[in-house]
Structures are given as structure tokens and as C-alpha cells.
Amino acid sequence: MERWVLQQTFPNWDSLRIMNARHDHLDWMHRHFAEKVLTGSELLAEVDAADSSPDS
């Protein structure tokens, strides 16, 4: 992409700011848009249970 658009300099402090704010942003999103928050392991357990049920 640098062939057409030069890469902008991005200061390390801004990368750290964004990285440290990730959990605050996710918490906000969950509070405003999620009815339920699942962990990955909970989701996989639900999928495994559905796969092993005799109805499938």
C-alpha cells in the first residue's frame, strides 16, 4: 500500500493508549449492546453440546 499512500508515523504512546483502552471500550459495548456476554469456552461448550445431542 505504501506504493500509493505513504505510511503515517504513529507514535508508540498512541499505540499504548489504544491498547490500554480496549477493555474500557469492550465494557462499554457490552453494557450498551449485549444482552449476554459469553466467553469463548462457554460458546464452544454450547456448540459441542448441540453437536453431540441425539436430535442433530
N, C-alpha and C. Protein backbone atom coordinates (compact mmCIF):
# COMPACT_ATOMS: atom_id res chain seq x y z
N MET A 1 0.81 -1.18 0.00
CA MET A 1 0.00 0.00 0.00
C MET A 1 0.87 1.26 0.00
N GLU A 2 2.07 1.16 0.56
CA GLU A 2 2.94 2.33 0.60
C GLU A 2 3.33 2.80 -0.80
N ARG A 3 3.06 1.99 -1.77
CA ARG A 3 3.35 2.40 -3.14
C ARG A 3 2.48 3.60 -3.53
N TRP A 4 1.23 3.65 -3.04
CA TRP A 4 0.32 4.74 -3.38
C TRP A 4 0.12 5.73 -2.23
N VAL A 5 0.14 5.23 -1.01
CA VAL A 5 -0.10 6.08 0.16
C VAL A 5 1.03 5.85 1.15
N LEU A 6 1.73 6.90 1.52
CA LEU A 6 2.83 6.76 2.46
C LEU A 6 2.29 6.46 3.85
N GLN A 7 3.00 5.60 4.55
CA GLN A 7 2.63 5.25 5.92
C GLN A 7 2.83 6.45 6.83
N GLN A 8 1.82 6.76 7.62
CA GLN A 8 1.95 7.85 8.57
C GLN A 8 2.72 7.38 9.79
N THR A 9 3.46 8.28 10.39
CA THR A 9 4.13 7.91 11.64
C THR A 9 3.08 7.82 12.73
N PHE A 10 3.20 6.80 13.54
CA PHE A 10 2.23 6.54 14.59
C PHE A 10 3.02 6.39 15.88
N PRO A 11 2.90 7.34 16.80
CA PRO A 11 3.73 7.30 18.00
C PRO A 11 3.40 6.12 18.90
N ASN A 12 4.41 5.62 19.56
CA ASN A 12 4.25 4.47 20.45
C ASN A 12 3.26 4.76 21.57
N TRP A 13 3.27 5.99 22.09
CA TRP A 13 2.35 6.32 23.19
C TRP A 13 0.90 6.20 22.74
N ASP A 14 0.62 6.46 21.46
CA ASP A 14 -0.75 6.35 20.97
C ASP A 14 -1.15 4.88 20.83
N SER A 15 -0.21 4.04 20.41
CA SER A 15 -0.48 2.60 20.36
C SER A 15 -0.79 2.07 21.74
N LEU A 16 -0.02 2.50 22.73
CA LEU A 16 -0.25 2.06 24.10
C LEU A 16 -1.58 2.57 24.63
N ARG A 17 -1.94 3.80 24.28
CA ARG A 17 -3.22 4.37 24.71
C ARG A 17 -4.38 3.54 24.17
N ILE A 18 -4.31 3.20 22.89
CA ILE A 18 -5.36 2.41 22.27
C ILE A 18 -5.42 1.01 22.90
N MET A 19 -4.26 0.40 23.09
CA MET A 19 -4.21 -0.94 23.68
C MET A 19 -4.78 -0.95 25.09
N ASN A 20 -4.44 0.06 25.89
CA ASN A 20 -4.92 0.11 27.27
C ASN A 20 -6.40 0.46 27.36
N ALA A 21 -6.97 1.07 26.33
CA ALA A 21 -8.38 1.45 26.36
C ALA A 21 -9.29 0.35 25.80
N ARG A 22 -8.71 -0.73 25.31
CA ARG A 22 -9.52 -1.80 24.70
C ARG A 22 -10.57 -2.35 25.63
N HIS A 23 -10.20 -2.66 26.86
CA HIS A 23 -11.14 -3.26 27.79
C HIS A 23 -12.24 -2.27 28.18
N ASP A 24 -11.90 -1.00 28.31
CA ASP A 24 -12.93 0.01 28.59
C ASP A 24 -13.93 0.06 27.45
N HIS A 25 -13.44 0.00 26.23
CA HIS A 25 -14.33 0.03 25.07
C HIS A 25 -15.21 -1.21 25.03
N LEU A 26 -14.63 -2.38 25.26
CA LEU A 26 -15.44 -3.60 25.27
C LEU A 26 -16.49 -3.58 26.38
N ASP A 27 -16.12 -3.10 27.55
CA ASP A 27 -17.09 -2.98 28.64
C ASP A 27 -18.24 -2.06 28.25
N TRP A 28 -17.93 -0.96 27.60
CA TRP A 28 -18.97 -0.03 27.16
C TRP A 28 -19.88 -0.69 26.13
N MET A 29 -19.28 -1.39 25.17
CA MET A 29 -20.08 -2.07 24.14
C MET A 29 -20.99 -3.12 24.77
N HIS A 30 -20.47 -3.89 25.72
CA HIS A 30 -21.28 -4.91 26.38
C HIS A 30 -22.45 -4.29 27.14
N ARG A 31 -22.19 -3.19 27.84
CA ARG A 31 -23.25 -2.53 28.60
C ARG A 31 -24.34 -1.99 27.69
N HIS A 32 -23.97 -1.52 26.50
CA HIS A 32 -24.94 -0.86 25.64
C HIS A 32 -25.59 -1.76 24.60
N PHE A 33 -24.95 -2.85 24.21
CA PHE A 33 -25.46 -3.62 23.09
C PHE A 33 -25.64 -5.11 23.34
N ALA A 34 -25.04 -5.65 24.38
CA ALA A 34 -25.09 -7.10 24.57
C ALA A 34 -26.16 -7.47 25.58
N GLU A 35 -26.98 -8.45 25.22
CA GLU A 35 -27.92 -8.99 26.19
C GLU A 35 -27.21 -9.95 27.14
N LYS A 36 -26.19 -10.61 26.60
CA LYS A 36 -25.45 -11.60 27.37
C LYS A 36 -24.02 -11.64 26.84
N VAL A 37 -23.05 -11.74 27.71
CA VAL A 37 -21.65 -11.82 27.32
C VAL A 37 -21.17 -13.24 27.57
N LEU A 38 -20.67 -13.89 26.52
CA LEU A 38 -20.19 -15.27 26.62
C LEU A 38 -18.68 -15.31 26.48
N THR A 39 -18.07 -16.23 27.19
CA THR A 39 -16.65 -16.48 26.95
C THR A 39 -16.54 -17.44 25.78
N GLY A 40 -15.36 -17.52 25.22
CA GLY A 40 -15.16 -18.46 24.12
C GLY A 40 -15.39 -19.89 24.54
N SER A 41 -14.98 -20.25 25.76
CA SER A 41 -15.16 -21.62 26.23
C SER A 41 -16.64 -21.95 26.43
N GLU A 42 -17.44 -20.98 26.87
CA GLU A 42 -18.88 -21.21 27.00
C GLU A 42 -19.52 -21.45 25.65
N LEU A 43 -19.11 -20.67 24.67
CA LEU A 43 -19.65 -20.82 23.33
C LEU A 43 -19.28 -22.17 22.72
N LEU A 44 -18.02 -22.58 22.89
CA LEU A 44 -17.60 -23.89 22.37
C LEU A 44 -18.33 -25.02 23.07
N ALA A 45 -18.56 -24.91 24.37
CA ALA A 45 -19.29 -25.94 25.10
C ALA A 45 -20.72 -26.06 24.58
N GLU A 46 -21.33 -24.91 24.27
CA GLU A 46 -22.70 -24.91 23.72
C GLU A 46 -22.73 -25.58 22.35
N VAL A 47 -21.73 -25.30 21.51
CA VAL A 47 -21.65 -25.90 20.18
C VAL A 47 -21.41 -27.39 20.30
N ASP A 48 -20.50 -27.81 21.19
CA ASP A 48 -20.23 -29.24 21.40
C ASP A 48 -21.47 -29.97 21.90
N ALA A 49 -22.21 -29.35 22.79
CA ALA A 49 -23.44 -29.96 23.31
C ALA A 49 -24.47 -30.14 22.20
N ALA A 50 -24.58 -29.15 21.32
CA ALA A 50 -25.53 -29.24 20.22
C ALA A 50 -25.11 -30.32 19.23
N ASP A 51 -23.77 -30.46 19.00
CA ASP A 51 -23.27 -31.47 18.09
C ASP A 51 -23.47 -32.88 18.61
N SER A 52 -23.40 -33.06 19.92
CA SER A 52 -23.50 -34.39 20.49
C SER A 52 -24.92 -34.77 20.89
N SER A 53 -25.88 -33.87 20.70
CA SER A 53 -27.26 -34.20 21.05
C SER A 53 -27.82 -35.18 20.02
N PRO A 54 -28.71 -36.09 20.45
CA PRO A 54 -29.25 -37.10 19.54
C PRO A 54 -30.15 -36.51 18.46
N ASP A 55 -30.62 -35.30 18.64
CA ASP A 55 -31.51 -34.68 17.64
C ASP A 55 -30.77 -34.18 16.43
N SER A 56 -29.43 -34.06 16.50
CA SER A 56 -28.70 -33.46 15.38
C SER A 56 -28.36 -34.44 14.31
